[in-house]
Amino acid sequence: MESLRSQPSQTSFARWWRQVMFVPLLHSRWVTPEARQRLTDKVTEAEKGHRGEVYLVIENHLPISSAYHNDCRDRAIELFSSCRVWDTEENTGVLVYVNVCEHALEIVADRGISEHVSPTVWQAMCDKALSGLKNKNVEESLAELLDEIGQLLRQHYYLEHDPAGNELSDTVLYIK
């Protein structure tokens, strides 16, 4: 698994307080069932033509119980594990984590694909998507990011016909 951070996250009362005070109705109106379906379709499309797996998680806020000690990177790694994105045959799982409250996006890539893609490439993809999120183009930015990840996986794990099918669900995981 590729981790872009060299130090553990810092404890933060401000981060915890933001999670407590977060009002989903005001900030996550864009996360409609229709938007989730369109993003699920984008995940399915991004997974065509290669042996990798793409998994998208959108979460309103960090769990209150851990927000003081853990940041979005910690949460993304936790979900990478609990959703078993690491458990693909060739270690080619990529988790995209969006935290609405923190306006954060994290990409966690398994060791198979990280052998081929440098951390600077993942960071550039993250930064580009975050720029779109900040400009209120959330769904479009995520769709574009999923396309880029799919192209990257096709570049390194091309497969014309995929007899095994998906190892993970394409459905967007939305954690309210």
N, C-alpha and C. Protein backbone atom coordinates (compact mmCIF):
# COMPACT_ATOMS: atom_id res chain seq x y z
N MET A 1 0.85 -1.17 0.00
CA MET A 1 0.00 0.00 0.00
C MET A 1 0.89 1.23 0.00
N GLU A 2 0.55 2.18 -0.85
CA GLU A 2 1.31 3.41 -0.97
C GLU A 2 0.77 4.44 0.01
N SER A 3 1.66 4.99 0.82
CA SER A 3 1.28 6.05 1.74
C SER A 3 2.12 7.28 1.46
N LEU A 4 1.46 8.42 1.28
CA LEU A 4 2.17 9.64 0.95
C LEU A 4 2.65 10.40 2.17
N ARG A 5 2.33 9.94 3.35
CA ARG A 5 2.67 10.65 4.57
C ARG A 5 3.85 9.98 5.26
N SER A 6 4.77 10.80 5.73
CA SER A 6 5.93 10.24 6.43
C SER A 6 5.76 10.27 7.94
N GLN A 7 4.82 11.09 8.45
CA GLN A 7 4.62 11.22 9.88
C GLN A 7 3.19 10.86 10.24
N PRO A 8 2.96 10.41 11.47
CA PRO A 8 1.59 10.14 11.90
C PRO A 8 0.79 11.43 11.98
N SER A 9 -0.54 11.30 11.91
CA SER A 9 -1.37 12.51 11.98
C SER A 9 -1.29 13.14 13.36
N GLN A 10 -1.54 14.43 13.39
CA GLN A 10 -1.51 15.18 14.63
C GLN A 10 -2.90 15.16 15.27
N THR A 11 -2.95 15.15 16.58
CA THR A 11 -4.23 15.27 17.26
C THR A 11 -4.76 16.68 17.00
N SER A 12 -6.10 16.78 16.91
CA SER A 12 -6.67 18.08 16.58
C SER A 12 -8.06 18.24 17.17
N PHE A 13 -8.16 19.14 18.11
CA PHE A 13 -9.46 19.46 18.66
C PHE A 13 -10.31 20.15 17.59
N ALA A 14 -9.70 21.00 16.76
CA ALA A 14 -10.43 21.71 15.70
C ALA A 14 -11.04 20.72 14.71
N ARG A 15 -10.30 19.69 14.33
CA ARG A 15 -10.81 18.67 13.41
C ARG A 15 -12.00 17.96 14.05
N TRP A 16 -11.86 17.57 15.30
CA TRP A 16 -12.95 16.90 16.01
C TRP A 16 -14.18 17.80 16.05
N TRP A 17 -13.98 19.08 16.36
CA TRP A 17 -15.10 20.01 16.47
C TRP A 17 -15.81 20.20 15.12
N ARG A 18 -15.04 20.24 14.02
CA ARG A 18 -15.66 20.36 12.69
C ARG A 18 -16.58 19.17 12.42
N GLN A 19 -16.17 17.98 12.86
CA GLN A 19 -16.99 16.78 12.62
C GLN A 19 -18.28 16.84 13.44
N VAL A 20 -18.16 17.30 14.68
CA VAL A 20 -19.32 17.41 15.56
C VAL A 20 -20.32 18.42 15.00
N MET A 21 -19.83 19.53 14.48
CA MET A 21 -20.70 20.61 14.02
C MET A 21 -21.15 20.47 12.56
N PHE A 22 -20.67 19.47 11.87
CA PHE A 22 -21.00 19.29 10.45
C PHE A 22 -22.49 19.01 10.26
N VAL A 23 -23.11 19.71 9.32
CA VAL A 23 -24.52 19.53 8.99
C VAL A 23 -24.59 19.02 7.54
N PRO A 24 -24.81 17.71 7.35
CA PRO A 24 -24.80 17.15 6.00
C PRO A 24 -25.77 17.83 5.03
N LEU A 25 -26.92 18.22 5.51
CA LEU A 25 -27.92 18.84 4.65
C LEU A 25 -27.38 20.09 3.95
N LEU A 26 -26.48 20.80 4.61
CA LEU A 26 -25.93 22.02 4.04
C LEU A 26 -24.78 21.78 3.07
N HIS A 27 -24.05 20.68 3.25
CA HIS A 27 -22.81 20.49 2.51
C HIS A 27 -22.80 19.32 1.54
N SER A 28 -23.66 18.37 1.72
CA SER A 28 -23.58 17.18 0.86
C SER A 28 -24.84 17.00 0.02
N ARG A 29 -25.43 18.11 -0.38
CA ARG A 29 -26.61 18.03 -1.25
C ARG A 29 -26.29 17.40 -2.58
N TRP A 30 -25.06 17.50 -3.02
CA TRP A 30 -24.67 16.94 -4.31
C TRP A 30 -24.64 15.41 -4.29
N VAL A 31 -24.62 14.80 -3.11
CA VAL A 31 -24.53 13.34 -2.99
C VAL A 31 -25.94 12.75 -3.08
N THR A 32 -26.57 12.93 -4.22
CA THR A 32 -27.92 12.39 -4.44
C THR A 32 -27.81 10.94 -4.91
N PRO A 33 -28.90 10.19 -4.82
CA PRO A 33 -28.87 8.82 -5.36
C PRO A 33 -28.49 8.81 -6.85
N GLU A 34 -28.93 9.81 -7.60
CA GLU A 34 -28.60 9.88 -9.02
C GLU A 34 -27.10 10.12 -9.23
N ALA A 35 -26.53 11.01 -8.44
CA ALA A 35 -25.10 11.28 -8.55
C ALA A 35 -24.29 10.04 -8.17
N ARG A 36 -24.73 9.35 -7.13
CA ARG A 36 -24.02 8.12 -6.72
C ARG A 36 -24.11 7.07 -7.82
N GLN A 37 -25.26 6.99 -8.51
CA GLN A 37 -25.39 6.02 -9.59
C GLN A 37 -24.49 6.40 -10.77
N ARG A 38 -24.41 7.68 -11.09
CA ARG A 38 -23.53 8.10 -12.18
C ARG A 38 -22.07 7.81 -11.83
N LEU A 39 -21.69 8.03 -10.58
CA LEU A 39 -20.32 7.72 -10.17
C LEU A 39 -20.07 6.22 -10.13
N THR A 40 -21.07 5.45 -9.75
CA THR A 40 -20.95 3.98 -9.80
C THR A 40 -20.72 3.54 -11.25
N ASP A 41 -21.45 4.14 -12.18
CA ASP A 41 -21.25 3.82 -13.60
C ASP A 41 -19.84 4.20 -14.05
N LYS A 42 -19.31 5.30 -13.52
CA LYS A 42 -17.95 5.72 -13.84
C LYS A 42 -16.92 4.73 -13.29
N VAL A 43 -17.18 4.19 -12.10
CA VAL A 43 -16.28 3.17 -11.54
C VAL A 43 -16.29 1.95 -12.45
N THR A 44 -17.48 1.51 -12.87
CA THR A 44 -17.59 0.36 -13.76
C THR A 44 -16.82 0.60 -15.05
N GLU A 45 -16.97 1.79 -15.61
CA GLU A 45 -16.27 2.15 -16.84
C GLU A 45 -14.76 2.20 -16.61
N ALA A 46 -14.34 2.74 -15.47
CA ALA A 46 -12.91 2.86 -15.16
C ALA A 46 -12.25 1.50 -14.98
N GLU A 47 -13.04 0.48 -14.66
CA GLU A 47 -12.48 -0.84 -14.42
C GLU A 47 -12.39 -1.71 -15.67
N LYS A 48 -12.83 -1.22 -16.79
CA LYS A 48 -12.79 -2.00 -18.03
C LYS A 48 -11.39 -2.01 -18.62
N GLY A 49 -10.96 -3.18 -19.08
CA GLY A 49 -9.71 -3.30 -19.82
C GLY A 49 -8.46 -3.49 -18.99
N HIS A 50 -8.61 -3.80 -17.70
CA HIS A 50 -7.43 -4.06 -16.88
C HIS A 50 -7.80 -4.97 -15.72
N ARG A 51 -6.79 -5.40 -14.98
CA ARG A 51 -7.00 -6.32 -13.88
C ARG A 51 -7.07 -5.61 -12.52
N GLY A 52 -7.13 -4.31 -12.52
CA GLY A 52 -7.18 -3.55 -11.28
C GLY A 52 -8.60 -3.39 -10.76
N GLU A 53 -8.69 -2.87 -9.55
CA GLU A 53 -9.98 -2.59 -8.92
C GLU A 53 -9.98 -1.17 -8.40
N VAL A 54 -11.09 -0.46 -8.65
CA VAL A 54 -11.25 0.91 -8.20
C VAL A 54 -12.43 0.93 -7.24
N TYR A 55 -12.24 1.59 -6.10
CA TYR A 55 -13.28 1.62 -5.07
C TYR A 55 -13.43 3.06 -4.59
N LEU A 56 -14.64 3.59 -4.68
CA LEU A 56 -14.91 4.98 -4.29
C LEU A 56 -15.73 5.02 -3.02
N VAL A 57 -15.23 5.78 -2.04
CA VAL A 57 -15.93 5.98 -0.77
C VAL A 57 -16.14 7.47 -0.58
N ILE A 58 -17.39 7.85 -0.32
CA ILE A 58 -17.72 9.23 0.01
C ILE A 58 -18.27 9.21 1.43
N GLU A 59 -17.67 10.00 2.29
CA GLU A 59 -18.09 10.03 3.69
C GLU A 59 -18.38 11.47 4.10
N ASN A 60 -19.50 11.67 4.77
CA ASN A 60 -19.86 13.02 5.20
C ASN A 60 -18.84 13.60 6.16
N HIS A 61 -18.48 12.83 7.18
CA HIS A 61 -17.51 13.31 8.17
C HIS A 61 -16.79 12.13 8.80
N LEU A 62 -15.67 12.42 9.42
CA LEU A 62 -14.92 11.39 10.14
C LEU A 62 -15.75 10.88 11.31
N PRO A 63 -15.57 9.64 11.72
CA PRO A 63 -16.25 9.16 12.92
C PRO A 63 -15.85 10.03 14.12
N ILE A 64 -16.83 10.51 14.85
CA ILE A 64 -16.58 11.42 15.97
C ILE A 64 -15.62 10.79 16.98
N SER A 65 -15.78 9.49 17.18
CA SER A 65 -14.96 8.80 18.19
C SER A 65 -13.47 8.80 17.87
N SER A 66 -13.12 8.96 16.60
CA SER A 66 -11.70 8.92 16.24
C SER A 66 -11.18 10.21 15.62
N ALA A 67 -12.05 11.20 15.42
CA ALA A 67 -11.66 12.43 14.71
C ALA A 67 -10.58 13.24 15.43
N TYR A 68 -10.50 13.14 16.74
CA TYR A 68 -9.48 13.89 17.46
C TYR A 68 -8.08 13.37 17.13
N HIS A 69 -7.96 12.05 17.00
CA HIS A 69 -6.65 11.43 16.78
C HIS A 69 -6.34 11.12 15.33
N ASN A 70 -7.36 10.91 14.51
CA ASN A 70 -7.14 10.45 13.14
C ASN A 70 -7.66 11.44 12.12
N ASP A 71 -6.88 11.62 11.06
CA ASP A 71 -7.29 12.51 9.99
C ASP A 71 -7.83 11.71 8.80
N CYS A 72 -8.04 12.39 7.69
CA CYS A 72 -8.64 11.73 6.53
C CYS A 72 -7.73 10.65 5.93
N ARG A 73 -6.44 10.85 5.98
CA ARG A 73 -5.52 9.82 5.46
C ARG A 73 -5.64 8.56 6.30
N ASP A 74 -5.68 8.71 7.62
CA ASP A 74 -5.85 7.56 8.50
C ASP A 74 -7.16 6.84 8.19
N ARG A 75 -8.23 7.61 8.00
CA ARG A 75 -9.54 7.03 7.71
C ARG A 75 -9.53 6.30 6.37
N ALA A 76 -8.88 6.88 5.36
CA ALA A 76 -8.79 6.22 4.06
C ALA A 76 -8.07 4.88 4.16
N ILE A 77 -7.00 4.85 4.92
CA ILE A 77 -6.25 3.60 5.11
C ILE A 77 -7.10 2.58 5.87
N GLU A 78 -7.83 3.05 6.87
CA GLU A 78 -8.72 2.17 7.61
C GLU A 78 -9.78 1.56 6.68
N LEU A 79 -10.38 2.36 5.82
CA LEU A 79 -11.39 1.87 4.88
C LEU A 79 -10.77 0.98 3.81
N PHE A 80 -9.55 1.27 3.39
CA PHE A 80 -8.83 0.43 2.45
C PHE A 80 -8.75 -0.99 3.00
N SER A 81 -8.52 -1.08 4.29
CA SER A 81 -8.43 -2.38 4.95
C SER A 81 -9.81 -3.00 5.17
N SER A 82 -10.72 -2.25 5.78
CA SER A 82 -12.01 -2.85 6.14
C SER A 82 -12.87 -3.19 4.93
N CYS A 83 -12.70 -2.47 3.82
CA CYS A 83 -13.44 -2.77 2.59
C CYS A 83 -12.70 -3.79 1.73
N ARG A 84 -11.56 -4.23 2.22
CA ARG A 84 -10.76 -5.28 1.59
C ARG A 84 -10.27 -4.90 0.18
N VAL A 85 -9.97 -3.64 0.00
CA VAL A 85 -9.44 -3.19 -1.29
C VAL A 85 -8.05 -3.78 -1.50
N TRP A 86 -7.35 -4.07 -0.43
CA TRP A 86 -6.02 -4.67 -0.49
C TRP A 86 -6.07 -6.13 -0.93
N ASP A 87 -7.24 -6.73 -0.90
CA ASP A 87 -7.38 -8.18 -1.07
C ASP A 87 -7.69 -8.56 -2.52
N THR A 88 -7.02 -7.93 -3.48
CA THR A 88 -7.20 -8.31 -4.88
C THR A 88 -6.07 -9.25 -5.28
N GLU A 89 -6.33 -10.05 -6.27
CA GLU A 89 -5.38 -11.10 -6.65
C GLU A 89 -3.97 -10.57 -6.94
N GLU A 90 -3.89 -9.46 -7.64
CA GLU A 90 -2.57 -8.93 -8.01
C GLU A 90 -2.21 -7.65 -7.24
N ASN A 91 -2.91 -7.40 -6.13
CA ASN A 91 -2.64 -6.22 -5.31
C ASN A 91 -2.72 -4.93 -6.13
N THR A 92 -3.82 -4.81 -6.89
CA THR A 92 -4.00 -3.66 -7.77
C THR A 92 -5.23 -2.84 -7.38
N GLY A 93 -5.62 -2.88 -6.13
CA GLY A 93 -6.76 -2.10 -5.68
C GLY A 93 -6.38 -0.65 -5.44
N VAL A 94 -7.30 0.25 -5.81
CA VAL A 94 -7.11 1.69 -5.59
C VAL A 94 -8.37 2.21 -4.92
N LEU A 95 -8.22 2.80 -3.74
CA LEU A 95 -9.35 3.40 -3.04
C LEU A 95 -9.27 4.91 -3.18
N VAL A 96 -10.40 5.50 -3.57
CA VAL A 96 -10.54 6.95 -3.61
C VAL A 96 -11.48 7.30 -2.47
N TYR A 97 -11.01 8.13 -1.56
CA TYR A 97 -11.78 8.51 -0.37
C TYR A 97 -12.05 10.00 -0.41
N VAL A 98 -13.32 10.38 -0.30
CA VAL A 98 -13.74 11.78 -0.27
C VAL A 98 -14.39 12.04 1.08
N ASN A 99 -13.89 13.05 1.79
CA ASN A 99 -14.51 13.46 3.04
C ASN A 99 -15.13 14.84 2.82
N VAL A 100 -16.46 14.90 2.87
CA VAL A 100 -17.18 16.13 2.56
C VAL A 100 -16.88 17.22 3.59
N CYS A 101 -16.91 16.88 4.86
CA CYS A 101 -16.69 17.86 5.93
C CYS A 101 -15.31 18.51 5.83
N GLU A 102 -14.31 17.71 5.61
CA GLU A 102 -12.93 18.21 5.58
C GLU A 102 -12.51 18.73 4.20
N HIS A 103 -13.38 18.58 3.20
CA HIS A 103 -13.03 18.96 1.82
C HIS A 103 -11.73 18.26 1.42
N ALA A 104 -11.67 16.98 1.73
CA ALA A 104 -10.44 16.22 1.51
C ALA A 104 -10.67 15.05 0.56
N LEU A 105 -9.63 14.71 -0.15
CA LEU A 105 -9.65 13.55 -1.04
C LEU A 105 -8.33 12.82 -0.84
N GLU A 106 -8.42 11.52 -0.68
CA GLU A 106 -7.22 10.69 -0.51
C GLU A 106 -7.28 9.54 -1.50
N ILE A 107 -6.14 9.17 -2.03
CA ILE A 107 -6.02 7.99 -2.87
C ILE A 107 -5.08 7.03 -2.16
N VAL A 108 -5.55 5.80 -1.96
CA VAL A 108 -4.72 4.76 -1.36
C VAL A 108 -4.60 3.65 -2.39
N ALA A 109 -3.37 3.38 -2.81
CA ALA A 109 -3.12 2.37 -3.85
C ALA A 109 -2.36 1.19 -3.26
N ASP A 110 -2.76 0.01 -3.66
CA ASP A 110 -2.10 -1.20 -3.18
C ASP A 110 -0.70 -1.31 -3.77
N ARG A 111 0.09 -2.18 -3.19
CA ARG A 111 1.51 -2.28 -3.54
C ARG A 111 1.74 -2.73 -4.98
N GLY A 112 0.84 -3.49 -5.56
CA GLY A 112 1.02 -3.94 -6.95
C GLY A 112 1.07 -2.78 -7.92
N ILE A 113 0.13 -1.87 -7.82
CA ILE A 113 0.11 -0.71 -8.72
C ILE A 113 1.12 0.35 -8.27
N SER A 114 1.39 0.43 -6.99
CA SER A 114 2.36 1.43 -6.50
C SER A 114 3.78 1.13 -6.96
N GLU A 115 4.05 -0.12 -7.34
CA GLU A 115 5.36 -0.44 -7.89
C GLU A 115 5.58 0.27 -9.23
N HIS A 116 4.48 0.59 -9.92
CA HIS A 116 4.56 1.18 -11.26
C HIS A 116 4.28 2.68 -11.28
N VAL A 117 3.64 3.20 -10.25
CA VAL A 117 3.21 4.60 -10.25
C VAL A 117 3.86 5.32 -9.07
N SER A 118 4.50 6.42 -9.36
CA SER A 118 5.21 7.15 -8.29
C SER A 118 4.21 7.93 -7.44
N PRO A 119 4.59 8.20 -6.20
CA PRO A 119 3.74 8.99 -5.31
C PRO A 119 3.41 10.38 -5.88
N THR A 120 4.32 10.94 -6.67
CA THR A 120 4.05 12.26 -7.24
C THR A 120 2.90 12.22 -8.25
N VAL A 121 2.74 11.11 -8.95
CA VAL A 121 1.62 10.97 -9.90
C VAL A 121 0.31 10.91 -9.13
N TRP A 122 0.27 10.09 -8.08
CA TRP A 122 -0.95 10.01 -7.26
C TRP A 122 -1.27 11.37 -6.67
N GLN A 123 -0.24 12.08 -6.19
CA GLN A 123 -0.46 13.39 -5.57
C GLN A 123 -0.98 14.40 -6.59
N ALA A 124 -0.45 14.36 -7.80
CA ALA A 124 -0.92 15.27 -8.85
C ALA A 124 -2.38 15.00 -9.19
N MET A 125 -2.76 13.73 -9.24
CA MET A 125 -4.15 13.37 -9.51
C MET A 125 -5.06 13.86 -8.39
N CYS A 126 -4.58 13.69 -7.17
CA CYS A 126 -5.32 14.16 -5.98
C CYS A 126 -5.50 15.67 -6.02
N ASP A 127 -4.43 16.37 -6.27
CA ASP A 127 -4.46 17.84 -6.29
C ASP A 127 -5.42 18.36 -7.37
N LYS A 128 -5.38 17.75 -8.53
CA LYS A 128 -6.27 18.16 -9.63
C LYS A 128 -7.73 17.96 -9.24
N ALA A 129 -8.05 16.81 -8.66
CA ALA A 129 -9.43 16.53 -8.24
C ALA A 129 -9.85 17.47 -7.12
N LEU A 130 -8.96 17.73 -6.18
CA LEU A 130 -9.27 18.65 -5.07
C LEU A 130 -9.57 20.06 -5.58
N SER A 131 -8.85 20.47 -6.60
CA SER A 131 -9.10 21.78 -7.20
C SER A 131 -10.53 21.85 -7.74
N GLY A 132 -10.96 20.80 -8.40
CA GLY A 132 -12.33 20.74 -8.90
C GLY A 132 -13.35 20.72 -7.78
N LEU A 133 -13.04 20.01 -6.70
CA LEU A 133 -13.95 19.97 -5.56
C LEU A 133 -14.11 21.36 -4.96
N LYS A 134 -13.02 22.08 -4.84
CA LYS A 134 -13.07 23.42 -4.26
C LYS A 134 -13.86 24.39 -5.15
N ASN A 135 -13.87 24.12 -6.45
CA ASN A 135 -14.62 24.96 -7.39
C ASN A 135 -16.06 24.47 -7.57
N LYS A 136 -16.51 23.60 -6.67
CA LYS A 136 -17.89 23.10 -6.66
C LYS A 136 -18.23 22.21 -7.86
N ASN A 137 -17.21 21.66 -8.51
CA ASN A 137 -17.41 20.69 -9.60
C ASN A 137 -17.12 19.29 -9.08
N VAL A 138 -17.80 18.92 -8.01
CA VAL A 138 -17.47 17.70 -7.28
C VAL A 138 -17.67 16.46 -8.14
N GLU A 139 -18.87 16.26 -8.63
CA GLU A 139 -19.15 15.04 -9.39
C GLU A 139 -18.28 14.95 -10.65
N GLU A 140 -18.12 16.06 -11.36
CA GLU A 140 -17.32 16.06 -12.58
C GLU A 140 -15.84 15.76 -12.27
N SER A 141 -15.34 16.35 -11.18
CA SER A 141 -13.95 16.12 -10.79
C SER A 141 -13.71 14.66 -10.42
N LEU A 142 -14.66 14.08 -9.68
CA LEU A 142 -14.52 12.67 -9.31
C LEU A 142 -14.61 11.77 -10.53
N ALA A 143 -15.51 12.09 -11.46
CA ALA A 143 -15.63 11.29 -12.69
C ALA A 143 -14.33 11.34 -13.49
N GLU A 144 -13.75 12.52 -13.59
CA GLU A 144 -12.49 12.67 -14.30
C GLU A 144 -11.36 11.91 -13.61
N LEU A 145 -11.32 11.97 -12.28
CA LEU A 145 -10.31 11.24 -11.51
C LEU A 145 -10.46 9.73 -11.74
N LEU A 146 -11.68 9.24 -11.71
CA LEU A 146 -11.90 7.81 -11.95
C LEU A 146 -11.44 7.41 -13.34
N ASP A 147 -11.69 8.26 -14.34
CA ASP A 147 -11.20 7.99 -15.70
C ASP A 147 -9.67 7.90 -15.72
N GLU A 148 -9.02 8.84 -15.04
CA GLU A 148 -7.55 8.86 -15.01
C GLU A 148 -7.00 7.61 -14.33
N ILE A 149 -7.62 7.19 -13.24
CA ILE A 149 -7.17 5.98 -12.55
C ILE A 149 -7.35 4.77 -13.46
N GLY A 150 -8.49 4.71 -14.15
CA GLY A 150 -8.72 3.61 -15.09
C GLY A 150 -7.66 3.57 -16.18
N GLN A 151 -7.30 4.73 -16.74
CA GLN A 151 -6.26 4.78 -17.77
C GLN A 151 -4.91 4.32 -17.21
N LEU A 152 -4.62 4.73 -16.01
CA LEU A 152 -3.37 4.33 -15.37
C LEU A 152 -3.32 2.81 -15.16
N LEU A 153 -4.41 2.24 -14.71
CA LEU A 153 -4.45 0.79 -14.50
C LEU A 153 -4.38 0.05 -15.83
N ARG A 154 -5.01 0.57 -16.88
CA ARG A 154 -4.92 -0.07 -18.21
C ARG A 154 -3.49 -0.03 -18.73
N GLN A 155 -2.80 1.05 -18.42
CA GLN A 155 -1.41 1.19 -18.87
C GLN A 155 -0.52 0.09 -18.28
N HIS A 156 -0.77 -0.29 -17.04
CA HIS A 156 0.12 -1.24 -16.36
C HIS A 156 -0.47 -2.65 -16.22
N TYR A 157 -1.77 -2.78 -16.32
CA TYR A 157 -2.41 -4.09 -16.13
C TYR A 157 -3.45 -4.36 -17.20
N TYR A 158 -3.08 -4.08 -18.46
CA TYR A 158 -4.00 -4.23 -19.58
C TYR A 158 -4.52 -5.67 -19.68
N LEU A 159 -5.80 -5.77 -19.99
CA LEU A 159 -6.43 -7.07 -20.19
C LEU A 159 -7.63 -6.85 -21.10
N GLU A 160 -7.56 -7.45 -22.31
CA GLU A 160 -8.63 -7.24 -23.28
C GLU A 160 -9.94 -7.87 -22.82
N HIS A 161 -9.86 -9.10 -22.34
CA HIS A 161 -11.06 -9.79 -21.84
C HIS A 161 -10.80 -10.17 -20.38
N ASP A 162 -11.74 -9.85 -19.53
CA ASP A 162 -11.58 -10.12 -18.10
C ASP A 162 -12.52 -11.25 -17.70
N PRO A 163 -12.06 -12.50 -17.79
CA PRO A 163 -12.95 -13.62 -17.48
C PRO A 163 -13.34 -13.71 -16.01
N ALA A 164 -12.52 -13.17 -15.12
CA ALA A 164 -12.80 -13.28 -13.68
C ALA A 164 -13.82 -12.24 -13.23
N GLY A 165 -13.95 -11.16 -13.96
CA GLY A 165 -14.89 -10.11 -13.56
C GLY A 165 -14.36 -9.30 -12.39
N ASN A 166 -15.24 -8.60 -11.75
CA ASN A 166 -14.86 -7.75 -10.62
C ASN A 166 -14.56 -8.56 -9.38
N GLU A 167 -13.57 -8.11 -8.65
CA GLU A 167 -13.30 -8.69 -7.34
C GLU A 167 -14.00 -7.89 -6.25
N LEU A 168 -14.28 -6.62 -6.53
CA LEU A 168 -14.96 -5.73 -5.57
C LEU A 168 -16.17 -5.11 -6.24
N SER A 169 -17.12 -4.71 -5.45
CA SER A 169 -18.31 -4.04 -5.96
C SER A 169 -17.93 -2.69 -6.57
N ASP A 170 -18.63 -2.31 -7.62
CA ASP A 170 -18.41 -1.01 -8.24
C ASP A 170 -19.26 0.07 -7.57
N THR A 171 -20.21 -0.32 -6.76
CA THR A 171 -21.13 0.61 -6.14
C THR A 171 -20.39 1.56 -5.20
N VAL A 172 -20.66 2.84 -5.36
CA VAL A 172 -20.06 3.87 -4.49
C VAL A 172 -20.53 3.62 -3.06
N LEU A 173 -19.59 3.60 -2.14
CA LEU A 173 -19.93 3.47 -0.72
C LEU A 173 -20.11 4.88 -0.16
N TYR A 174 -21.32 5.17 0.28
CA TYR A 174 -21.63 6.48 0.86
C TYR A 174 -21.87 6.29 2.34
N ILE A 175 -21.01 6.90 3.14
CA ILE A 175 -21.10 6.78 4.59
C ILE A 175 -21.62 8.11 5.13
N LYS A 176 -22.84 8.06 5.64
CA LYS A 176 -23.47 9.29 6.12
C LYS A 176 -22.96 9.59 7.49
